[in-house]
Amino acid sequence: MAEQSLSGLTEQQAKEFHEQFKITYTAFVGIAALVHLFVIAANPWF
């Protein structure tokens, strides 16, 4: 019997998901950093 993962995904599906997750997470962090810089530029606390 083949060993199953906790998620129920095959190894190939998990790799595909991880590749997309890395792209999405990187975009999210990049946008969040950019927005933080805009807020600091528009409303500095010092």
N, C-alpha and C. Protein backbone atom coordinates (compact mmCIF):
# COMPACT_ATOMS: atom_id res chain seq x y z
N MET A 1 0.84 -1.18 0.00
CA MET A 1 0.00 0.00 0.00
C MET A 1 0.89 1.25 0.00
N ALA A 2 0.52 2.19 -0.83
CA ALA A 2 1.30 3.43 -0.93
C ALA A 2 1.05 4.31 0.29
N GLU A 3 2.10 4.96 0.71
CA GLU A 3 1.98 5.87 1.85
C GLU A 3 1.29 7.15 1.40
N GLN A 4 0.28 7.58 2.14
CA GLN A 4 -0.46 8.79 1.77
C GLN A 4 -0.03 9.95 2.64
N SER A 5 -0.07 11.14 2.04
CA SER A 5 0.29 12.34 2.78
C SER A 5 -0.89 12.79 3.63
N LEU A 6 -0.63 13.66 4.58
CA LEU A 6 -1.69 14.18 5.44
C LEU A 6 -2.70 15.02 4.66
N SER A 7 -2.24 15.70 3.62
CA SER A 7 -3.12 16.58 2.85
C SER A 7 -3.96 15.81 1.83
N GLY A 8 -3.55 14.61 1.50
CA GLY A 8 -4.25 13.85 0.48
C GLY A 8 -3.77 14.15 -0.92
N LEU A 9 -2.78 15.04 -1.05
CA LEU A 9 -2.25 15.39 -2.36
C LEU A 9 -1.14 14.41 -2.75
N THR A 10 -0.99 14.22 -4.05
CA THR A 10 0.16 13.46 -4.52
C THR A 10 1.39 14.35 -4.42
N GLU A 11 2.55 13.75 -4.56
CA GLU A 11 3.78 14.54 -4.48
C GLU A 11 3.81 15.59 -5.59
N GLN A 12 3.38 15.22 -6.80
CA GLN A 12 3.37 16.16 -7.92
C GLN A 12 2.40 17.32 -7.65
N GLN A 13 1.21 17.02 -7.13
CA GLN A 13 0.25 18.08 -6.81
C GLN A 13 0.80 19.00 -5.73
N ALA A 14 1.46 18.43 -4.74
CA ALA A 14 2.03 19.24 -3.67
C ALA A 14 3.12 20.17 -4.21
N LYS A 15 3.94 19.68 -5.13
CA LYS A 15 4.99 20.51 -5.72
C LYS A 15 4.39 21.65 -6.54
N GLU A 16 3.33 21.35 -7.31
CA GLU A 16 2.66 22.39 -8.09
C GLU A 16 2.06 23.45 -7.17
N PHE A 17 1.41 23.00 -6.11
CA PHE A 17 0.82 23.94 -5.15
C PHE A 17 1.89 24.81 -4.52
N HIS A 18 3.01 24.20 -4.15
CA HIS A 18 4.08 24.94 -3.49
C HIS A 18 4.68 25.99 -4.41
N GLU A 19 4.85 25.66 -5.69
CA GLU A 19 5.37 26.64 -6.65
C GLU A 19 4.45 27.85 -6.74
N GLN A 20 3.14 27.62 -6.84
CA GLN A 20 2.19 28.72 -6.92
C GLN A 20 2.14 29.50 -5.61
N PHE A 21 2.23 28.78 -4.49
CA PHE A 21 2.21 29.43 -3.18
C PHE A 21 3.40 30.38 -3.03
N LYS A 22 4.58 29.95 -3.47
CA LYS A 22 5.77 30.80 -3.36
C LYS A 22 5.60 32.09 -4.16
N ILE A 23 5.03 31.98 -5.36
CA ILE A 23 4.81 33.17 -6.20
C ILE A 23 3.82 34.11 -5.53
N THR A 24 2.70 33.55 -5.06
CA THR A 24 1.66 34.37 -4.44
C THR A 24 2.16 35.02 -3.16
N TYR A 25 2.88 34.27 -2.34
CA TYR A 25 3.40 34.80 -1.07
C TYR A 25 4.41 35.92 -1.33
N THR A 26 5.28 35.72 -2.31
CA THR A 26 6.27 36.74 -2.64
C THR A 26 5.59 38.02 -3.11
N ALA A 27 4.55 37.88 -3.94
CA ALA A 27 3.81 39.06 -4.40
C ALA A 27 3.14 39.76 -3.22
N PHE A 28 2.53 39.01 -2.32
CA PHE A 28 1.86 39.59 -1.15
C PHE A 28 2.85 40.37 -0.29
N VAL A 29 3.99 39.77 0.00
CA VAL A 29 5.00 40.43 0.84
C VAL A 29 5.53 41.68 0.14
N GLY A 30 5.75 41.59 -1.17
CA GLY A 30 6.23 42.75 -1.92
C GLY A 30 5.25 43.90 -1.90
N ILE A 31 3.97 43.60 -2.11
CA ILE A 31 2.94 44.65 -2.08
C ILE A 31 2.82 45.23 -0.68
N ALA A 32 2.85 44.37 0.34
CA ALA A 32 2.76 44.85 1.72
C ALA A 32 3.93 45.77 2.06
N ALA A 33 5.13 45.41 1.64
CA ALA A 33 6.30 46.25 1.90
C ALA A 33 6.16 47.60 1.19
N LEU A 34 5.70 47.57 -0.04
CA LEU A 34 5.50 48.80 -0.80
C LEU A 34 4.47 49.71 -0.13
N VAL A 35 3.37 49.14 0.31
CA VAL A 35 2.34 49.93 0.98
C VAL A 35 2.87 50.51 2.28
N HIS A 36 3.66 49.73 3.02
CA HIS A 36 4.25 50.26 4.25
C HIS A 36 5.15 51.46 3.94
N LEU A 37 5.94 51.37 2.90
CA LEU A 37 6.80 52.49 2.53
C LEU A 37 5.97 53.71 2.14
N PHE A 38 4.88 53.51 1.40
CA PHE A 38 4.01 54.63 1.03
C PHE A 38 3.39 55.29 2.26
N VAL A 39 2.97 54.49 3.21
CA VAL A 39 2.37 55.04 4.43
C VAL A 39 3.41 55.83 5.22
N ILE A 40 4.61 55.29 5.34
CA ILE A 40 5.67 56.00 6.07
C ILE A 40 6.01 57.31 5.36
N ALA A 41 6.04 57.30 4.02
CA ALA A 41 6.35 58.51 3.26
C ALA A 41 5.25 59.55 3.40
N ALA A 42 4.00 59.11 3.44
CA ALA A 42 2.88 60.04 3.50
C ALA A 42 2.63 60.55 4.91
N ASN A 43 2.96 59.73 5.91
CA ASN A 43 2.63 60.09 7.28
C ASN A 43 3.76 59.64 8.22
N PRO A 44 4.91 60.29 8.17
CA PRO A 44 6.02 59.87 9.03
C PRO A 44 5.69 60.11 10.51
N TRP A 45 6.24 59.29 11.36
CA TRP A 45 5.93 59.39 12.79
C TRP A 45 6.92 60.26 13.54
N PHE A 46 7.90 60.83 12.87
CA PHE A 46 8.88 61.69 13.55
C PHE A 46 8.79 63.11 13.07
